[in-house]
Amino acid sequence: MGKLLADPLFLSSVGSEEDVVSMADSSITVDDIENELFKIERIRDVLVRRESELRYMMDDMQLCKEITRLKRELQKLVSVPDNDKSKEDRQKEEELLQQIQKLVEARDFLVDDVEFERLREKEEDREMADFLKSKFPKNTKSKGRVPTRRLASGVQQTSSPFTKTGLTLLKECCGFTCSIM
């Protein structure tokens, strides 16, 4: 570096801002870079939300599967007449009921958590829309729009990533396989 500073050619080129060469393409503006970074952030947010939705759905499916298994086991015990039940059978029935109740409560908490997340994301979206309105005046319609989201299937998604089917799935448990509600 010391030799470079002593080089007369280097010293003559340091004088003005016009002589500084950026590693960025000269046709790209700072606004273009900021817009690209904004788009990447929005895509990342969509992916994080989708990951969260999938995790909730997976947890819900596992809870429903376990509840269904326990209900089948309980149904076998309940189908035995009371006269033929042993003390262990009655105790097992009670344990199964308690386990099912705990799982139903965990699932209720999961549904509440999903709703909380949906409302939080709705608020974030509203704040982002307000920010975009303030940053991009209405006269530049194409630049002021929030980028639409495209799913892997190519379909545009403009609402919250907690799709109605995903939320419905959580509220209705796991459809035909579980009837705890």
Protein backbone atom coordinates (compact mmCIF):
# COMPACT_ATOMS: atom_id res chain seq x y z
CA MET A 1 0.00 0.00 0.00
CA GLY A 2 2.93 2.36 0.74
CA LYS A 3 4.27 2.04 -2.82
CA LEU A 4 0.80 2.76 -4.20
CA LEU A 5 0.54 6.07 -2.32
CA ALA A 6 3.93 7.15 -3.65
CA ASP A 7 2.89 6.39 -7.24
CA PRO A 8 2.32 9.71 -9.10
CA LEU A 9 -0.38 8.11 -11.28
CA PHE A 10 -2.35 7.09 -8.16
CA LEU A 11 -1.97 10.53 -6.59
CA SER A 12 -3.21 12.27 -9.72
CA SER A 13 -6.34 10.11 -9.87
CA VAL A 14 -7.37 10.55 -6.22
CA GLY A 15 -8.22 14.22 -6.60
CA SER A 16 -11.86 14.13 -7.70
CA GLU A 17 -14.95 12.01 -7.08
CA GLU A 18 -15.38 11.43 -10.82
CA ASP A 19 -12.17 9.43 -10.90
CA VAL A 20 -13.41 6.87 -8.35
CA VAL A 21 -14.53 3.71 -10.08
CA SER A 22 -17.27 1.71 -8.39
CA MET A 23 -17.50 -2.05 -8.66
CA ALA A 24 -21.21 -1.64 -9.50
CA ASP A 25 -22.43 -1.45 -13.07
CA SER A 26 -22.42 2.23 -14.05
CA SER A 27 -26.00 1.99 -15.36
CA ILE A 28 -27.33 1.01 -11.90
CA THR A 29 -28.44 3.84 -9.65
CA VAL A 30 -28.56 3.91 -5.87
CA ASP A 31 -32.37 3.86 -6.12
CA ASP A 32 -32.19 0.71 -8.26
CA ILE A 33 -30.01 -0.98 -5.65
CA GLU A 34 -32.31 0.12 -2.81
CA ASN A 35 -35.34 -1.17 -4.72
CA GLU A 36 -33.63 -4.50 -5.35
CA LEU A 37 -32.69 -4.80 -1.67
CA PHE A 38 -36.27 -3.97 -0.70
CA LYS A 39 -37.61 -6.68 -3.01
CA ILE A 40 -35.19 -9.21 -1.52
CA GLU A 41 -36.29 -8.27 2.00
CA ARG A 42 -39.95 -8.72 1.05
CA ILE A 43 -39.21 -12.13 -0.49
CA ARG A 44 -37.34 -13.13 2.66
CA ASP A 45 -40.30 -12.00 4.80
CA VAL A 46 -42.68 -14.07 2.69
CA LEU A 47 -40.45 -17.12 3.02
CA VAL A 48 -40.15 -16.71 6.80
CA ARG A 49 -43.93 -16.41 7.07
CA ARG A 50 -44.45 -19.48 4.91
CA GLU A 51 -41.96 -21.45 7.00
CA SER A 52 -43.84 -20.44 10.13
CA GLU A 53 -47.17 -21.46 8.58
CA LEU A 54 -45.80 -24.84 7.58
CA ARG A 55 -44.41 -25.43 11.07
CA TYR A 56 -47.80 -24.64 12.60
CA MET A 57 -49.51 -26.97 10.16
CA MET A 58 -47.01 -29.74 10.90
CA ASP A 59 -47.49 -29.33 14.66
CA ASP A 60 -51.25 -29.37 14.18
CA MET A 61 -51.13 -32.53 12.10
CA GLN A 62 -48.96 -34.27 14.69
CA LEU A 63 -51.30 -33.24 17.51
CA CYS A 64 -54.33 -34.45 15.57
CA LYS A 65 -52.65 -37.72 14.73
CA GLU A 66 -51.81 -38.32 18.38
CA ILE A 67 -55.33 -37.33 19.53
CA THR A 68 -56.84 -39.69 16.98
CA ARG A 69 -54.60 -42.54 18.13
CA LEU A 70 -55.54 -41.94 21.78
CA LYS A 71 -59.24 -41.71 20.90
CA ARG A 72 -59.09 -45.08 19.13
CA GLU A 73 -57.43 -46.60 22.16
CA LEU A 74 -60.05 -45.01 24.44
CA GLN A 75 -62.86 -46.21 22.18
CA LYS A 76 -61.65 -49.80 22.59
CA LEU A 77 -61.76 -49.44 26.38
CA VAL A 78 -65.13 -47.71 26.37
CA SER A 79 -66.66 -50.42 24.21
CA VAL A 80 -66.03 -52.97 26.97
CA PRO A 81 -69.06 -53.21 29.32
CA ASP A 82 -68.48 -51.70 32.77
CA ASN A 83 -69.00 -55.10 34.44
CA ASP A 84 -66.08 -56.58 32.51
CA LYS A 85 -63.63 -53.72 33.15
CA SER A 86 -60.77 -54.18 35.55
CA LYS A 87 -59.43 -51.50 37.83
CA GLU A 88 -56.50 -51.08 35.41
CA ASP A 89 -58.91 -50.59 32.49
CA ARG A 90 -60.75 -47.81 34.34
CA GLN A 91 -57.46 -46.19 35.30
CA LYS A 92 -56.22 -46.43 31.70
CA GLU A 93 -59.49 -44.80 30.53
CA GLU A 94 -58.94 -41.89 32.89
CA GLU A 95 -55.30 -41.50 31.80
CA LEU A 96 -56.31 -41.49 28.14
CA LEU A 97 -58.96 -38.83 28.78
CA GLN A 98 -56.39 -36.65 30.55
CA GLN A 99 -53.86 -37.09 27.74
CA ILE A 100 -56.46 -36.22 25.13
CA GLN A 101 -57.49 -33.14 27.10
CA LYS A 102 -53.87 -31.97 27.35
CA LEU A 103 -53.39 -32.42 23.60
CA VAL A 104 -56.64 -30.58 22.82
CA GLU A 105 -55.50 -27.71 25.06
CA ALA A 106 -52.11 -27.66 23.30
CA ARG A 107 -53.91 -27.54 19.95
CA ASP A 108 -56.18 -24.73 21.15
CA PHE A 109 -53.07 -22.80 22.14
CA LEU A 110 -51.62 -23.47 18.68
CA VAL A 111 -54.76 -22.13 16.97
CA ASP A 112 -54.67 -19.02 19.18
CA ASP A 113 -50.99 -18.55 18.35
CA VAL A 114 -51.73 -18.81 14.62
CA GLU A 115 -54.42 -16.15 14.95
CA PHE A 116 -52.05 -13.90 16.90
CA GLU A 117 -49.40 -14.30 14.19
CA ARG A 118 -51.96 -13.58 11.47
CA LEU A 119 -52.98 -10.34 13.19
CA ARG A 120 -49.34 -9.34 13.76
CA GLU A 121 -48.51 -9.94 10.11
CA LYS A 122 -51.58 -7.98 9.03
CA GLU A 123 -50.34 -5.06 11.12
CA GLU A 124 -46.84 -5.39 9.64
CA ASP A 125 -48.34 -5.37 6.15
CA ARG A 126 -50.36 -2.24 6.97
CA GLU A 127 -47.26 -0.50 8.32
CA MET A 128 -45.29 -1.47 5.21
CA ALA A 129 -48.06 -0.15 2.96
CA ASP A 130 -48.04 3.15 4.88
CA PHE A 131 -44.26 3.34 4.57
CA LEU A 132 -44.43 2.70 0.83
CA LYS A 133 -47.11 5.36 0.40
CA SER A 134 -44.88 7.87 2.17
CA LYS A 135 -41.73 6.83 0.29
CA PHE A 136 -43.29 6.60 -3.17
CA PRO A 137 -45.77 9.31 -4.09
CA LYS A 138 -48.90 8.26 -5.99
CA ASN A 139 -47.64 9.76 -9.27
CA THR A 140 -45.15 6.86 -9.62
CA LYS A 141 -47.63 4.01 -9.56
CA SER A 142 -45.35 1.25 -10.83
CA LYS A 143 -42.55 1.94 -8.33
CA GLY A 144 -44.85 2.45 -5.33
CA ARG A 145 -46.53 -0.92 -5.42
CA VAL A 146 -45.63 -3.68 -3.07
CA PRO A 147 -44.20 -6.54 -5.10
CA THR A 148 -46.69 -9.35 -5.50
CA ARG A 149 -45.62 -12.70 -4.21
CA ARG A 150 -45.36 -15.70 -6.49
CA LEU A 151 -45.55 -19.14 -5.07
CA ALA A 152 -43.54 -22.02 -6.46
CA SER A 153 -46.55 -22.92 -8.57
CA GLY A 154 -46.40 -19.50 -10.21
CA VAL A 155 -49.69 -18.34 -8.69
CA GLN A 156 -49.63 -14.85 -7.25
CA GLN A 157 -50.34 -14.50 -3.55
CA THR A 158 -51.33 -11.08 -2.29
CA SER A 159 -52.92 -11.96 1.03
CA SER A 160 -51.28 -13.19 4.20
CA PRO A 161 -49.31 -16.42 3.77
CA PHE A 162 -51.64 -17.92 6.38
CA THR A 163 -53.95 -19.07 3.65
CA LYS A 164 -57.55 -19.67 4.40
CA THR A 165 -57.07 -23.36 3.81
CA GLY A 166 -54.15 -23.48 6.27
CA LEU A 167 -56.08 -21.61 8.96
CA THR A 168 -59.19 -23.66 8.25
CA LEU A 169 -57.10 -26.78 8.56
CA LEU A 170 -55.96 -25.68 12.00
CA LYS A 171 -59.43 -24.70 13.14
CA GLU A 172 -61.01 -27.88 11.86
CA CYS A 173 -58.11 -29.95 13.17
CA CYS A 174 -56.98 -32.35 10.50
CA GLY A 175 -60.22 -32.74 8.64
CA PHE A 176 -61.54 -36.25 8.21
CA THR A 177 -58.85 -38.00 10.25
CA CYS A 178 -59.60 -36.29 13.56
CA SER A 179 -62.92 -35.29 15.06
CA ILE A 180 -61.95 -33.75 18.39
CA MET A 181 -63.95 -30.60 17.90
